[in-house]
PDB file of N, CA and C in Angstrom:
ATOM      1  N   MET A   1     128.407 -55.768 163.705  1.00  0.00           N
ATOM      2  CA  MET A   1     129.723 -55.180 164.437  1.00  0.00           C
ATOM      3  C   MET A   1     129.734 -55.849 165.891  1.00  0.00           C
ATOM      4  N   PRO A   2     130.871 -56.329 166.227  1.00  0.00           N
ATOM      5  CA  PRO A   2     130.921 -57.061 167.678  1.00  0.00           C
ATOM      6  C   PRO A   2     130.701 -55.785 168.611  1.00  0.00           C
ATOM      7  N   ILE A   3     130.141 -56.281 169.777  1.00  0.00           N
ATOM      8  CA  ILE A   3     129.897 -55.661 170.983  1.00  0.00           C
ATOM      9  C   ILE A   3     130.979 -54.498 171.418  1.00  0.00           C
ATOM     10  N   LYS A   4     132.140 -55.392 171.593  1.00  0.00           N
ATOM     11  CA  LYS A   4     133.345 -54.606 171.874  1.00  0.00           C
ATOM     12  C   LYS A   4     133.533 -53.276 171.145  1.00  0.00           C
ATOM     13  N   MET A   5     133.559 -53.497 169.814  1.00  0.00           N
ATOM     14  CA  MET A   5     133.683 -52.389 168.975  1.00  0.00           C
ATOM     15  C   MET A   5     132.656 -51.139 169.100  1.00  0.00           C
ATOM     16  N   ILE A   6     131.545 -51.644 169.144  1.00  0.00           N
ATOM     17  CA  ILE A   6     130.302 -50.848 169.425  1.00  0.00           C
ATOM     18  C   ILE A   6     130.745 -50.056 170.656  1.00  0.00           C
ATOM     19  N   ALA A   7     130.920 -50.792 171.762  1.00  0.00           N
ATOM     20  CA  ALA A   7     131.241 -50.180 173.017  1.00  0.00           C
ATOM     21  C   ALA A   7     132.329 -49.271 173.117  1.00  0.00           C
ATOM     22  N   ARG A   8     133.255 -49.435 172.349  1.00  0.00           N
ATOM     23  CA  ARG A   8     134.447 -48.628 172.132  1.00  0.00           C
ATOM     24  C   ARG A   8     134.260 -47.459 171.498  1.00  0.00           C
ATOM     25  N   GLU A   9     133.360 -47.517 170.356  1.00  0.00           N
ATOM     26  CA  GLU A   9     133.012 -46.419 169.701  1.00  0.00           C
ATOM     27  C   GLU A   9     131.983 -45.425 170.659  1.00  0.00           C
ATOM     28  N   LEU A  10     131.222 -46.133 171.249  1.00  0.00           N
ATOM     29  CA  LEU A  10     130.343 -45.316 172.353  1.00  0.00           C
ATOM     30  C   LEU A  10     131.117 -44.469 173.228  1.00  0.00           C
ATOM     31  N   TYR A  11     131.963 -45.169 173.707  1.00  0.00           N
ATOM     32  CA  TYR A  11     133.107 -44.336 174.811  1.00  0.00           C
ATOM     33  C   TYR A  11     133.700 -43.258 173.951  1.00  0.00           C
ATOM     34  N   LEU A  12     134.385 -43.460 173.017  1.00  0.00           N
ATOM     35  CA  LEU A  12     134.805 -42.301 172.035  1.00  0.00           C
ATOM     36  C   LEU A  12     133.891 -41.139 171.877  1.00  0.00           C
ATOM     37  N   LEU A  13     132.741 -41.496 171.656  1.00  0.00           N
ATOM     38  CA  LEU A  13     131.771 -40.359 171.323  1.00  0.00           C
ATOM     39  C   LEU A  13     131.348 -39.659 172.670  1.00  0.00           C
ATOM     40  N   LEU A  14     131.234 -40.532 173.691  1.00  0.00           N
ATOM     41  CA  LEU A  14     131.088 -40.075 175.095  1.00  0.00           C
ATOM     42  C   LEU A  14     132.159 -38.841 175.425  1.00  0.00           C
ATOM     43  N   ARG A  15     133.360 -39.323 175.217  1.00  0.00           N
ATOM     44  CA  ARG A  15     134.392 -38.315 175.465  1.00  0.00           C
ATOM     45  C   ARG A  15     134.374 -37.259 174.677  1.00  0.00           C
ATOM     46  N   GLU A  16     134.153 -37.243 173.207  1.00  0.00           N
ATOM     47  CA  GLU A  16     133.858 -36.221 172.311  1.00  0.00           C
ATOM     48  C   GLU A  16     132.733 -35.235 172.810  1.00  0.00           C
ATOM     49  N   VAL A  17     131.653 -35.830 173.388  1.00  0.00           N
ATOM     50  CA  VAL A  17     130.724 -34.862 173.701  1.00  0.00           C
ATOM     51  C   VAL A  17     131.225 -34.035 175.019  1.00  0.00           C
ATOM     52  N   GLU A  18     131.958 -34.643 175.781  1.00  0.00           N
ATOM     53  CA  GLU A  18     132.384 -34.032 177.031  1.00  0.00           C
ATOM     54  C   GLU A  18     133.327 -33.063 176.442  1.00  0.00           C
ATOM     55  N   LYS A  19     134.305 -33.175 175.550  1.00  0.00           N
ATOM     56  CA  LYS A  19     135.257 -32.286 174.991  1.00  0.00           C
ATOM     57  C   LYS A  19     134.430 -31.075 174.376  1.00  0.00           C
ATOM     58  N   THR A  20     133.377 -31.455 173.683  1.00  0.00           N
ATOM     59  CA  THR A  20     132.752 -30.387 172.917  1.00  0.00           C
ATOM     60  C   THR A  20     132.018 -29.664 173.739  1.00  0.00           C
ATOM     61  N   GLU A  21     131.337 -30.192 174.825  1.00  0.00           N
ATOM     62  CA  GLU A  21     130.610 -29.344 175.713  1.00  0.00           C
ATOM     63  C   GLU A  21     131.558 -28.272 176.522  1.00  0.00           C
ATOM     64  N   LYS A  22     132.764 -28.665 176.961  1.00  0.00           N
ATOM     65  CA  LYS A  22     133.826 -27.801 177.377  1.00  0.00           C
ATOM     66  C   LYS A  22     133.968 -26.706 176.422  1.00  0.00           C
ATOM     67  N   GLU A  23     134.340 -27.145 175.136  1.00  0.00           N
ATOM     68  CA  GLU A  23     134.612 -26.098 174.161  1.00  0.00           C
ATOM     69  C   GLU A  23     133.645 -25.116 173.867  1.00  0.00           C
ATOM     70  N   LEU A  24     132.436 -25.525 174.045  1.00  0.00           N
ATOM     71  CA  LEU A  24     131.324 -24.496 173.906  1.00  0.00           C
ATOM     72  C   LEU A  24     131.318 -23.601 174.970  1.00  0.00           C
ATOM     73  N   LYS A  25     131.337 -24.022 176.108  1.00  0.00           N
ATOM     74  CA  LYS A  25     131.591 -23.242 177.336  1.00  0.00           C
ATOM     75  C   LYS A  25     132.554 -22.061 177.292  1.00  0.00           C
ATOM     76  N   ASN A  26     133.687 -22.462 176.781  1.00  0.00           N
ATOM     77  CA  ASN A  26     134.896 -21.481 176.789  1.00  0.00           C
ATOM     78  C   ASN A  26     134.855 -20.890 175.353  1.00  0.00           C
ATOM     79  N   ALA A  27     134.085 -20.990 174.423  1.00  0.00           N
ATOM     80  CA  ALA A  27     134.107 -20.497 173.185  1.00  0.00           C
ATOM     81  C   ALA A  27     133.584 -19.000 173.024  1.00  0.00           C
ATOM     82  N   PRO A  28     134.016 -18.028 172.211  1.00  0.00           N
ATOM     83  CA  PRO A  28     133.351 -16.806 172.033  1.00  0.00           C
ATOM     84  C   PRO A  28     131.996 -17.088 171.517  1.00  0.00           C
ATOM     85  N   LEU A  29     131.358 -16.113 171.739  1.00  0.00           N
ATOM     86  CA  LEU A  29     129.895 -16.109 171.388  1.00  0.00           C
ATOM     87  C   LEU A  29     129.535 -16.417 169.819  1.00  0.00           C
ATOM     88  N   GLU A  30     130.623 -15.829 168.961  1.00  0.00           N
ATOM     89  CA  GLU A  30     130.369 -16.025 167.436  1.00  0.00           C
ATOM     90  C   GLU A  30     130.424 -17.342 166.968  1.00  0.00           C
ATOM     91  N   LYS A  31     131.121 -18.292 167.887  1.00  0.00           N
ATOM     92  CA  LYS A  31     131.542 -19.444 167.629  1.00  0.00           C
ATOM     93  C   LYS A  31     130.241 -20.539 168.259  1.00  0.00           C
ATOM     94  N   HIS A  32     129.465 -20.200 168.989  1.00  0.00           N
ATOM     95  CA  HIS A  32     128.501 -21.089 169.682  1.00  0.00           C
ATOM     96  C   HIS A  32     127.526 -21.628 168.774  1.00  0.00           C
ATOM     97  N   LEU A  33     127.190 -21.179 167.721  1.00  0.00           N
ATOM     98  CA  LEU A  33     126.241 -21.681 166.670  1.00  0.00           C
ATOM     99  C   LEU A  33     127.009 -22.851 166.027  1.00  0.00           C
ATOM    100  N   GLU A  34     128.133 -22.695 165.618  1.00  0.00           N
ATOM    101  CA  GLU A  34     128.862 -23.607 164.911  1.00  0.00           C
ATOM    102  C   GLU A  34     129.168 -24.906 165.854  1.00  0.00           C
ATOM    103  N   ILE A  35     129.526 -24.554 167.241  1.00  0.00           N
ATOM    104  CA  ILE A  35     129.981 -25.577 167.969  1.00  0.00           C
ATOM    105  C   ILE A  35     128.735 -26.435 168.483  1.00  0.00           C
ATOM    106  N   LYS A  36     127.394 -25.665 168.631  1.00  0.00           N
ATOM    107  CA  LYS A  36     126.227 -26.287 169.023  1.00  0.00           C
ATOM    108  C   LYS A  36     125.793 -27.306 168.072  1.00  0.00           C
ATOM    109  N   ASP A  37     126.032 -26.973 166.610  1.00  0.00           N
ATOM    110  CA  ASP A  37     125.632 -27.670 165.680  1.00  0.00           C
ATOM    111  C   ASP A  37     126.491 -29.131 165.561  1.00  0.00           C
ATOM    112  N   LYS A  38     127.729 -28.979 165.893  1.00  0.00           N
ATOM    113  CA  LYS A  38     128.856 -30.032 165.987  1.00  0.00           C
ATOM    114  C   LYS A  38     128.384 -30.876 167.188  1.00  0.00           C
ATOM    115  N   LEU A  39     127.925 -30.340 168.369  1.00  0.00           N
ATOM    116  CA  LEU A  39     127.603 -31.232 169.351  1.00  0.00           C
ATOM    117  C   LEU A  39     126.318 -31.893 169.100  1.00  0.00           C
ATOM    118  N   ARG A  40     125.430 -31.231 168.515  1.00  0.00           N
ATOM    119  CA  ARG A  40     123.994 -31.957 168.199  1.00  0.00           C
ATOM    120  C   ARG A  40     124.253 -33.244 167.258  1.00  0.00           C
ATOM    121  N   LYS A  41     125.262 -33.132 166.283  1.00  0.00           N
ATOM    122  CA  LYS A  41     125.607 -34.293 165.507  1.00  0.00           C
ATOM    123  C   LYS A  41     126.201 -35.476 166.173  1.00  0.00           C
ATOM    124  N   ILE A  42     127.088 -34.948 167.164  1.00  0.00           N
ATOM    125  CA  ILE A  42     127.875 -35.906 168.028  1.00  0.00           C
ATOM    126  C   ILE A  42     126.968 -36.585 168.833  1.00  0.00           C
ATOM    127  N   LYS A  43     126.009 -35.816 169.430  1.00  0.00           N
ATOM    128  CA  LYS A  43     125.153 -36.398 170.340  1.00  0.00           C
ATOM    129  C   LYS A  43     123.979 -37.430 169.697  1.00  0.00           C
ATOM    130  N   ALA A  44     123.790 -36.949 168.356  1.00  0.00           N
ATOM    131  CA  ALA A  44     122.888 -37.935 167.701  1.00  0.00           C
ATOM    132  C   ALA A  44     123.667 -39.218 167.484  1.00  0.00           C
ATOM    133  N   GLU A  45     124.835 -39.132 166.981  1.00  0.00           N
ATOM    134  CA  GLU A  45     125.704 -40.402 166.816  1.00  0.00           C
ATOM    135  C   GLU A  45     125.826 -41.190 168.097  1.00  0.00           C
ATOM    136  N   ARG A  46     125.991 -40.521 169.323  1.00  0.00           N
ATOM    137  CA  ARG A  46     126.280 -41.065 170.516  1.00  0.00           C
ATOM    138  C   ARG A  46     124.859 -41.972 170.851  1.00  0.00           C
ATOM    139  N   ASN A  47     123.710 -41.380 170.597  1.00  0.00           N
ATOM    140  CA  ASN A  47     122.508 -41.968 170.997  1.00  0.00           C
ATOM    141  C   ASN A  47     122.239 -43.027 170.020  1.00  0.00           C
ATOM    142  N   ARG A  48     122.540 -43.039 168.695  1.00  0.00           N
ATOM    143  CA  ARG A  48     122.540 -44.278 167.794  1.00  0.00           C
ATOM    144  C   ARG A  48     123.456 -45.438 168.227  1.00  0.00           C
ATOM    145  N   MET A  49     124.561 -45.131 168.771  1.00  0.00           N
ATOM    146  CA  MET A  49     125.445 -46.225 169.002  1.00  0.00           C
ATOM    147  C   MET A  49     124.984 -46.783 170.448  1.00  0.00           C
ATOM    148  N   ARG A  50     124.506 -45.900 171.280  1.00  0.00           N
ATOM    149  CA  ARG A  50     123.968 -46.593 172.472  1.00  0.00           C
ATOM    150  C   ARG A  50     122.828 -47.429 172.184  1.00  0.00           C
ATOM    151  N   ALA A  51     121.820 -47.138 171.333  1.00  0.00           N
ATOM    152  CA  ALA A  51     120.802 -47.879 170.876  1.00  0.00           C
ATOM    153  C   ALA A  51     121.208 -49.274 170.131  1.00  0.00           C
ATOM    154  N   ILE A  52     122.176 -49.018 169.495  1.00  0.00           N
ATOM    155  CA  ILE A  52     122.712 -50.334 168.807  1.00  0.00           C
ATOM    156  C   ILE A  52     123.042 -51.306 169.712  1.00  0.00           C
ATOM    157  N   LEU A  53     123.968 -50.639 170.715  1.00  0.00           N
ATOM    158  CA  LEU A  53     124.547 -51.596 171.809  1.00  0.00           C
ATOM    159  C   LEU A  53     123.533 -52.125 172.726  1.00  0.00           C
ATOM    160  N   GLU A  54     122.538 -51.328 173.151  1.00  0.00           N
ATOM    161  CA  GLU A  54     121.354 -51.830 173.782  1.00  0.00           C
ATOM    162  C   GLU A  54     120.678 -53.173 173.055  1.00  0.00           C
ATOM    163  N   GLY A  55     120.393 -53.162 171.833  1.00  0.00           N
ATOM    164  CA  GLY A  55     119.962 -53.898 170.824  1.00  0.00           C
ATOM    165  C   GLY A  55     120.788 -55.261 170.941  1.00  0.00           C
ATOM    166  N   LYS A  56     122.062 -55.006 170.678  1.00  0.00           N
ATOM    167  CA  LYS A  56     122.877 -56.123 170.779  1.00  0.00           C
ATOM    168  C   LYS A  56     123.004 -56.920 172.049  1.00  0.00           C
ATOM    169  N   LYS A  57     122.811 -56.216 173.253  1.00  0.00           N
ATOM    170  CA  LYS A  57     122.780 -56.738 174.691  1.00  0.00           C
ATOM    171  C   LYS A  57     121.685 -57.606 174.819  1.00  0.00           C
ATOM    172  N   ASP A  58     120.414 -57.067 174.134  1.00  0.00           N
ATOM    173  CA  ASP A  58     119.036 -57.700 174.415  1.00  0.00           C
ATOM    174  C   ASP A  58     119.204 -59.102 173.585  1.00  0.00           C
ATOM    175  N   ARG A  59     119.828 -59.162 172.512  1.00  0.00           N
ATOM    176  CA  ARG A  59     119.769 -60.402 171.763  1.00  0.00           C
ATOM    177  C   ARG A  59     120.747 -61.297 172.223  1.00  0.00           C
ATOM    178  N   SER A  60     121.795 -61.156 173.175  1.00  0.00           N
ATOM    179  CA  SER A  60     122.739 -61.953 173.446  1.00  0.00           C
ATOM    180  C   SER A  60     122.168 -62.864 174.725  1.00  0.00           C
TER     181      SER A  60
END
């Protein structure tokens, strides 16, 4: 995958993390577990994309 595509995907994931953190902050208590699980998955994907991007940068 080209660096531009990886960087774009990383940017979108960063935005989604921010949005989900705000959602968690404003959510009723009964929704917290569900939103925390969603946030955990998004952060894992964000970290994976960041690692891929760093690996691509090192090779260039």
